[in-house]
Amino acid sequence: MEDTWVKNQGRQGMRIKKELSAGLLIDVQEKLFPHMDQKEELLRRTTILLEGLKVLQVPMVITEQYPKGLGPTLRPLSLLLDNEAVLEKISFSCCGEASFSDKLKSLERPTIILCGIEAHVCVLQTVVDLLEEGYTVVVIEDCISSRNPVDKGVAVERMRSEGAIISTCESILFELAVVAGTEEFKAISRLVK
């Protein structure tokens, strides 16, 4: 693991592998979600992503920003997460919470596949901090949003310029599946149709 970790730090243009990856769902909460641009499509694509990562046995980390004020994770998504522990935070960046950093370290996965809201606040700050900590960060562009589409667009460009890999839900799931003909591939194919 350590050799892979060191070898992958700061590299772009590499294959993303399920055994080296963890998923991260950032702050898709009841009181925040209704204000997102294209929220129905965001929910549809995020649901596919989470179901696909589950099929591929990629571990998930879930965060909630000040749940007392913003509510819990959106119910359709929380039902997919099999009672995974939710990490509460008040820092915009997930990395500002010690429990988050400890959880990621315990997974020993150098690649983080990230989705959530808002793209220009919590997602962006988390991406920048994860990159600084040496993770390979894959932002799933069709599974992030902001209230204002301009904010999202600028945030995606910033994340790309900082060194994040930008991908889509379908692309990442097939990349992680690697080959056709397996049960995982068949399950992923059903999800994206």
C-alpha atoms as a PDB file:
ATOM      1  CA  MET A   1       0.000   0.000   0.000  1.00  0.00           C
ATOM      2  CA  GLU A   2       2.715   2.496   0.939  1.00  0.00           C
ATOM      3  CA  ASP A   3       4.550   2.010  -2.374  1.00  0.00           C
ATOM      4  CA  THR A   4       1.328   2.596  -4.330  1.00  0.00           C
ATOM      5  CA  TRP A   5       0.524   5.626  -2.193  1.00  0.00           C
ATOM      6  CA  VAL A   6       3.896   7.268  -2.790  1.00  0.00           C
ATOM      7  CA  LYS A   7       3.915   6.346  -6.475  1.00  0.00           C
ATOM      8  CA  ASN A   8       0.487   7.882  -7.065  1.00  0.00           C
ATOM      9  CA  GLN A   9       0.972  11.146  -5.203  1.00  0.00           C
ATOM     10  CA  GLY A  10       0.575  14.085  -7.530  1.00  0.00           C
ATOM     11  CA  ARG A  11       0.218  11.911 -10.647  1.00  0.00           C
ATOM     12  CA  GLN A  12      -2.359  12.584 -13.305  1.00  0.00           C
ATOM     13  CA  GLY A  13      -3.217  10.459 -16.317  1.00  0.00           C
ATOM     14  CA  MET A  14      -3.298   7.214 -14.348  1.00  0.00           C
ATOM     15  CA  ARG A  15      -5.960   4.520 -14.261  1.00  0.00           C
ATOM     16  CA  ILE A  16      -8.371   4.803 -11.358  1.00  0.00           C
ATOM     17  CA  LYS A  17      -8.705   1.441  -9.596  1.00  0.00           C
ATOM     18  CA  LYS A  18     -11.498   0.353  -7.289  1.00  0.00           C
ATOM     19  CA  GLU A  19      -9.174  -1.326  -4.795  1.00  0.00           C
ATOM     20  CA  LEU A  20      -7.345   1.983  -4.306  1.00  0.00           C
ATOM     21  CA  SER A  21     -10.456   4.183  -4.186  1.00  0.00           C
ATOM     22  CA  ALA A  22     -12.946   5.481  -1.638  1.00  0.00           C
ATOM     23  CA  GLY A  23     -16.109   7.457  -2.340  1.00  0.00           C
ATOM     24  CA  LEU A  24     -16.978  10.733  -0.652  1.00  0.00           C
ATOM     25  CA  LEU A  25     -20.503  12.200  -0.509  1.00  0.00           C
ATOM     26  CA  ILE A  26     -20.364  15.804   0.709  1.00  0.00           C
ATOM     27  CA  ASP A  27     -23.354  17.506   2.347  1.00  0.00           C
ATOM     28  CA  VAL A  28     -26.295  16.428   0.163  1.00  0.00           C
ATOM     29  CA  GLN A  29     -28.744  17.476   2.879  1.00  0.00           C
ATOM     30  CA  GLU A  30     -32.491  18.048   3.081  1.00  0.00           C
ATOM     31  CA  LYS A  31     -32.484  21.814   3.568  1.00  0.00           C
ATOM     32  CA  LEU A  32     -29.639  22.559   1.140  1.00  0.00           C
ATOM     33  CA  PHE A  33     -30.499  20.230  -1.749  1.00  0.00           C
ATOM     34  CA  PRO A  34     -33.777  21.921  -2.885  1.00  0.00           C
ATOM     35  CA  HIS A  35     -31.840  25.064  -3.817  1.00  0.00           C
ATOM     36  CA  MET A  36     -29.379  23.351  -6.166  1.00  0.00           C
ATOM     37  CA  ASP A  37     -29.302  23.958  -9.898  1.00  0.00           C
ATOM     38  CA  GLN A  38     -30.695  20.963 -11.848  1.00  0.00           C
ATOM     39  CA  LYS A  39     -31.432  19.133  -8.608  1.00  0.00           C
ATOM     40  CA  GLU A  40     -33.483  16.316 -10.187  1.00  0.00           C
ATOM     41  CA  GLU A  41     -30.628  15.337 -12.501  1.00  0.00           C
ATOM     42  CA  LEU A  42     -28.156  15.715  -9.649  1.00  0.00           C
ATOM     43  CA  LEU A  43     -30.169  13.268  -7.533  1.00  0.00           C
ATOM     44  CA  ARG A  44     -30.555  10.801 -10.418  1.00  0.00           C
ATOM     45  CA  ARG A  45     -26.841  10.782 -11.275  1.00  0.00           C
ATOM     46  CA  THR A  46     -25.697  10.693  -7.639  1.00  0.00           C
ATOM     47  CA  THR A  47     -28.016   7.747  -6.977  1.00  0.00           C
ATOM     48  CA  ILE A  48     -26.472   5.863  -9.915  1.00  0.00           C
ATOM     49  CA  LEU A  49     -22.972   6.694  -8.689  1.00  0.00           C
ATOM     50  CA  LEU A  50     -23.637   5.507  -5.132  1.00  0.00           C
ATOM     51  CA  GLU A  51     -25.342   2.315  -6.318  1.00  0.00           C
ATOM     52  CA  GLY A  52     -22.442   1.639  -8.694  1.00  0.00           C
ATOM     53  CA  LEU A  53     -19.787   2.225  -6.048  1.00  0.00           C
ATOM     54  CA  LYS A  54     -21.709  -0.154  -3.786  1.00  0.00           C
ATOM     55  CA  VAL A  55     -21.733  -2.842  -6.512  1.00  0.00           C
ATOM     56  CA  LEU A  56     -17.984  -2.334  -6.920  1.00  0.00           C
ATOM     57  CA  GLN A  57     -17.458  -2.521  -3.133  1.00  0.00           C
ATOM     58  CA  VAL A  58     -15.833   0.908  -2.956  1.00  0.00           C
ATOM     59  CA  PRO A  59     -16.076   2.156   0.656  1.00  0.00           C
ATOM     60  CA  MET A  60     -17.970   5.422   1.236  1.00  0.00           C
ATOM     61  CA  VAL A  61     -17.475   8.391   3.532  1.00  0.00           C
ATOM     62  CA  ILE A  62     -20.469  10.689   4.105  1.00  0.00           C
ATOM     63  CA  THR A  63     -20.390  14.187   5.554  1.00  0.00           C
ATOM     64  CA  GLU A  64     -23.078  16.592   6.731  1.00  0.00           C
ATOM     65  CA  GLN A  65     -22.533  20.319   7.225  1.00  0.00           C
ATOM     66  CA  TYR A  66     -24.149  21.468  10.478  1.00  0.00           C
ATOM     67  CA  PRO A  67     -27.029  18.937  10.329  1.00  0.00           C
ATOM     68  CA  LYS A  68     -28.905  20.693  13.138  1.00  0.00           C
ATOM     69  CA  GLY A  69     -29.492  23.575  10.719  1.00  0.00           C
ATOM     70  CA  LEU A  70     -29.309  21.896   7.287  1.00  0.00           C
ATOM     71  CA  GLY A  71     -30.927  18.567   8.139  1.00  0.00           C
ATOM     72  CA  PRO A  72     -29.703  15.027   7.441  1.00  0.00           C
ATOM     73  CA  THR A  73     -28.485  13.520   4.179  1.00  0.00           C
ATOM     74  CA  LEU A  74     -31.272  13.375   1.597  1.00  0.00           C
ATOM     75  CA  ARG A  75     -33.329  10.266   2.372  1.00  0.00           C
ATOM     76  CA  PRO A  76     -33.132   8.545  -1.061  1.00  0.00           C
ATOM     77  CA  LEU A  77     -29.340   8.668  -0.792  1.00  0.00           C
ATOM     78  CA  SER A  78     -29.072   7.747   2.880  1.00  0.00           C
ATOM     79  CA  LEU A  79     -31.127   4.600   2.176  1.00  0.00           C
ATOM     80  CA  LEU A  80     -28.410   3.477  -0.265  1.00  0.00           C
ATOM     81  CA  LEU A  81     -25.613   3.894   2.261  1.00  0.00           C
ATOM     82  CA  ASP A  82     -26.337   0.893   4.510  1.00  0.00           C
ATOM     83  CA  ASN A  83     -26.090   2.785   7.791  1.00  0.00           C
ATOM     84  CA  GLU A  84     -22.613   4.101   6.975  1.00  0.00           C
ATOM     85  CA  ALA A  85     -21.460   6.473   9.678  1.00  0.00           C
ATOM     86  CA  VAL A  86     -22.066  10.119   8.839  1.00  0.00           C
ATOM     87  CA  LEU A  87     -19.378  12.585   9.848  1.00  0.00           C
ATOM     88  CA  GLU A  88     -20.716  15.926  11.038  1.00  0.00           C
ATOM     89  CA  LYS A  89     -18.747  19.061  10.315  1.00  0.00           C
ATOM     90  CA  ILE A  90     -18.820  22.808  10.667  1.00  0.00           C
ATOM     91  CA  SER A  91     -15.675  23.434   8.616  1.00  0.00           C
ATOM     92  CA  PHE A  92     -16.454  23.988   4.934  1.00  0.00           C
ATOM     93  CA  SER A  93     -13.616  21.642   3.972  1.00  0.00           C
ATOM     94  CA  CYS A  94     -14.144  18.092   5.152  1.00  0.00           C
ATOM     95  CA  CYS A  95     -10.425  18.065   5.946  1.00  0.00           C
ATOM     96  CA  GLY A  96     -11.035  20.650   8.663  1.00  0.00           C
ATOM     97  CA  GLU A  97     -12.501  17.897  10.860  1.00  0.00           C
ATOM     98  CA  ALA A  98     -10.110  15.486  12.559  1.00  0.00           C
ATOM     99  CA  SER A  99     -12.683  12.660  12.433  1.00  0.00           C
ATOM    100  CA  PHE A 100     -12.782  12.948   8.629  1.00  0.00           C
ATOM    101  CA  SER A 101      -9.010  12.796   8.211  1.00  0.00           C
ATOM    102  CA  ASP A 102      -8.846   9.849  10.621  1.00  0.00           C
ATOM    103  CA  LYS A 103     -11.577   8.006   8.682  1.00  0.00           C
ATOM    104  CA  LEU A 104      -9.792   8.486   5.347  1.00  0.00           C
ATOM    105  CA  LYS A 105      -6.459   7.348   6.764  1.00  0.00           C
ATOM    106  CA  SER A 106      -8.106   4.218   8.209  1.00  0.00           C
ATOM    107  CA  LEU A 107      -9.395   3.252   4.744  1.00  0.00           C
ATOM    108  CA  GLU A 108      -5.879   3.356   3.237  1.00  0.00           C
ATOM    109  CA  ARG A 109      -7.229   4.378  -0.165  1.00  0.00           C
ATOM    110  CA  PRO A 110      -5.145   7.030  -1.981  1.00  0.00           C
ATOM    111  CA  THR A 111      -7.855   7.913  -4.523  1.00  0.00           C
ATOM    112  CA  ILE A 112     -10.996   9.794  -3.486  1.00  0.00           C
ATOM    113  CA  ILE A 113     -14.026   9.794  -5.806  1.00  0.00           C
ATOM    114  CA  LEU A 114     -16.017  12.822  -4.803  1.00  0.00           C
ATOM    115  CA  CYS A 115     -19.582  14.081  -5.238  1.00  0.00           C
ATOM    116  CA  GLY A 116     -21.807  16.523  -3.374  1.00  0.00           C
ATOM    117  CA  ILE A 117     -22.719  20.154  -2.790  1.00  0.00           C
ATOM    118  CA  GLU A 118     -22.023  23.006  -2.982  1.00  0.00           C
ATOM    119  CA  ALA A 119     -19.398  22.785  -5.701  1.00  0.00           C
ATOM    120  CA  HIS A 120     -17.896  26.213  -5.054  1.00  0.00           C
ATOM    121  CA  VAL A 121     -17.766  25.976  -1.253  1.00  0.00           C
ATOM    122  CA  CYS A 122     -17.438  22.640   0.580  1.00  0.00           C
ATOM    123  CA  VAL A 123     -16.581  20.550  -2.481  1.00  0.00           C
ATOM    124  CA  LEU A 124     -13.927  22.968  -3.769  1.00  0.00           C
ATOM    125  CA  GLN A 125     -12.272  23.495  -0.388  1.00  0.00           C
ATOM    126  CA  THR A 126     -12.240  19.748   0.304  1.00  0.00           C
ATOM    127  CA  VAL A 127     -10.706  19.016  -3.117  1.00  0.00           C
ATOM    128  CA  VAL A 128      -7.930  21.566  -2.600  1.00  0.00           C
ATOM    129  CA  ASP A 129      -7.133  20.209   0.870  1.00  0.00           C
ATOM    130  CA  LEU A 130      -7.200  16.544  -0.218  1.00  0.00           C
ATOM    131  CA  LEU A 131      -4.827  17.333  -3.074  1.00  0.00           C
ATOM    132  CA  GLU A 132      -2.524  19.113  -0.657  1.00  0.00           C
ATOM    133  CA  GLU A 133      -2.561  16.007   1.570  1.00  0.00           C
ATOM    134  CA  GLY A 134      -1.396  13.879  -1.386  1.00  0.00           C
ATOM    135  CA  TYR A 135      -4.636  12.171  -2.409  1.00  0.00           C
ATOM    136  CA  THR A 136      -5.612  11.641  -6.023  1.00  0.00           C
ATOM    137  CA  VAL A 137      -8.992  13.368  -6.263  1.00  0.00           C
ATOM    138  CA  VAL A 138     -11.607  12.471  -8.861  1.00  0.00           C
ATOM    139  CA  VAL A 139     -14.479  14.967  -9.028  1.00  0.00           C
ATOM    140  CA  ILE A 140     -17.638  13.540 -10.585  1.00  0.00           C
ATOM    141  CA  GLU A 141     -18.822  16.605 -12.491  1.00  0.00           C
ATOM    142  CA  ASP A 142     -22.410  15.452 -13.038  1.00  0.00           C
ATOM    143  CA  CYS A 143     -22.745  14.609  -9.324  1.00  0.00           C
ATOM    144  CA  ILE A 144     -21.863  18.046  -7.944  1.00  0.00           C
ATOM    145  CA  SER A 145     -23.875  21.253  -8.018  1.00  0.00           C
ATOM    146  CA  SER A 146     -24.284  24.770  -6.673  1.00  0.00           C
ATOM    147  CA  ARG A 147     -27.257  27.098  -6.476  1.00  0.00           C
ATOM    148  CA  ASN A 148     -25.771  29.136  -9.311  1.00  0.00           C
ATOM    149  CA  PRO A 149     -24.403  27.249 -12.365  1.00  0.00           C
ATOM    150  CA  VAL A 150     -21.727  29.910 -12.872  1.00  0.00           C
ATOM    151  CA  ASP A 151     -20.342  29.150  -9.396  1.00  0.00           C
ATOM    152  CA  LYS A 152     -20.179  25.449 -10.258  1.00  0.00           C
ATOM    153  CA  GLY A 153     -18.450  26.083 -13.585  1.00  0.00           C
ATOM    154  CA  VAL A 154     -15.793  28.291 -12.045  1.00  0.00           C
ATOM    155  CA  ALA A 155     -15.294  25.784  -9.203  1.00  0.00           C
ATOM    156  CA  VAL A 156     -14.767  22.897 -11.654  1.00  0.00           C
ATOM    157  CA  GLU A 157     -12.162  24.923 -13.525  1.00  0.00           C
ATOM    158  CA  ARG A 158     -10.405  25.765 -10.260  1.00  0.00           C
ATOM    159  CA  MET A 159     -10.425  22.110  -9.163  1.00  0.00           C
ATOM    160  CA  ARG A 160      -8.996  21.054 -12.532  1.00  0.00           C
ATOM    161  CA  SER A 161      -6.267  23.705 -12.327  1.00  0.00           C
ATOM    162  CA  GLU A 162      -5.379  22.552  -8.802  1.00  0.00           C
ATOM    163  CA  GLY A 163      -4.829  19.001 -10.095  1.00  0.00           C
ATOM    164  CA  ALA A 164      -8.147  17.189  -9.624  1.00  0.00           C
ATOM    165  CA  ILE A 165      -9.276  14.671 -12.225  1.00  0.00           C
ATOM    166  CA  ILE A 166     -12.709  15.600 -13.608  1.00  0.00           C
ATOM    167  CA  SER A 167     -14.920  12.684 -14.645  1.00  0.00           C
ATOM    168  CA  THR A 168     -18.577  11.705 -14.950  1.00  0.00           C
ATOM    169  CA  CYS A 169     -20.705   9.124 -13.199  1.00  0.00           C
ATOM    170  CA  GLU A 170     -20.868   6.683 -16.104  1.00  0.00           C
ATOM    171  CA  SER A 171     -17.226   7.103 -17.059  1.00  0.00           C
ATOM    172  CA  ILE A 172     -15.880   6.430 -13.575  1.00  0.00           C
ATOM    173  CA  LEU A 173     -18.107   3.399 -12.994  1.00  0.00           C
ATOM    174  CA  PHE A 174     -16.963   1.716 -16.217  1.00  0.00           C
ATOM    175  CA  GLU A 175     -13.346   2.633 -15.516  1.00  0.00           C
ATOM    176  CA  LEU A 176     -13.592   0.987 -12.093  1.00  0.00           C
ATOM    177  CA  ALA A 177     -15.363  -2.068 -13.571  1.00  0.00           C
ATOM    178  CA  VAL A 178     -12.423  -2.504 -16.031  1.00  0.00           C
ATOM    179  CA  VAL A 179     -13.879  -5.294 -18.215  1.00  0.00           C
ATOM    180  CA  ALA A 180     -17.177  -6.366 -19.765  1.00  0.00           C
ATOM    181  CA  GLY A 181     -18.908  -9.643 -19.050  1.00  0.00           C
ATOM    182  CA  THR A 182     -18.600  -9.705 -15.256  1.00  0.00           C
ATOM    183  CA  GLU A 183     -21.518  -9.519 -12.830  1.00  0.00           C
ATOM    184  CA  GLU A 184     -20.253  -6.095 -11.748  1.00  0.00           C
ATOM    185  CA  PHE A 185     -20.256  -4.895 -15.366  1.00  0.00           C
ATOM    186  CA  LYS A 186     -23.800  -6.195 -15.901  1.00  0.00           C
ATOM    187  CA  ALA A 187     -25.012  -4.437 -12.743  1.00  0.00           C
ATOM    188  CA  ILE A 188     -23.322  -1.171 -13.772  1.00  0.00           C
ATOM    189  CA  SER A 189     -24.809  -1.442 -17.288  1.00  0.00           C
ATOM    190  CA  ARG A 190     -28.305  -1.805 -15.808  1.00  0.00           C
ATOM    191  CA  LEU A 191     -27.771   1.241 -13.592  1.00  0.00           C
ATOM    192  CA  VAL A 192     -26.689   3.612 -16.362  1.00  0.00           C
ATOM    193  CA  LYS A 193     -29.428   2.667 -18.861  1.00  0.00           C
END
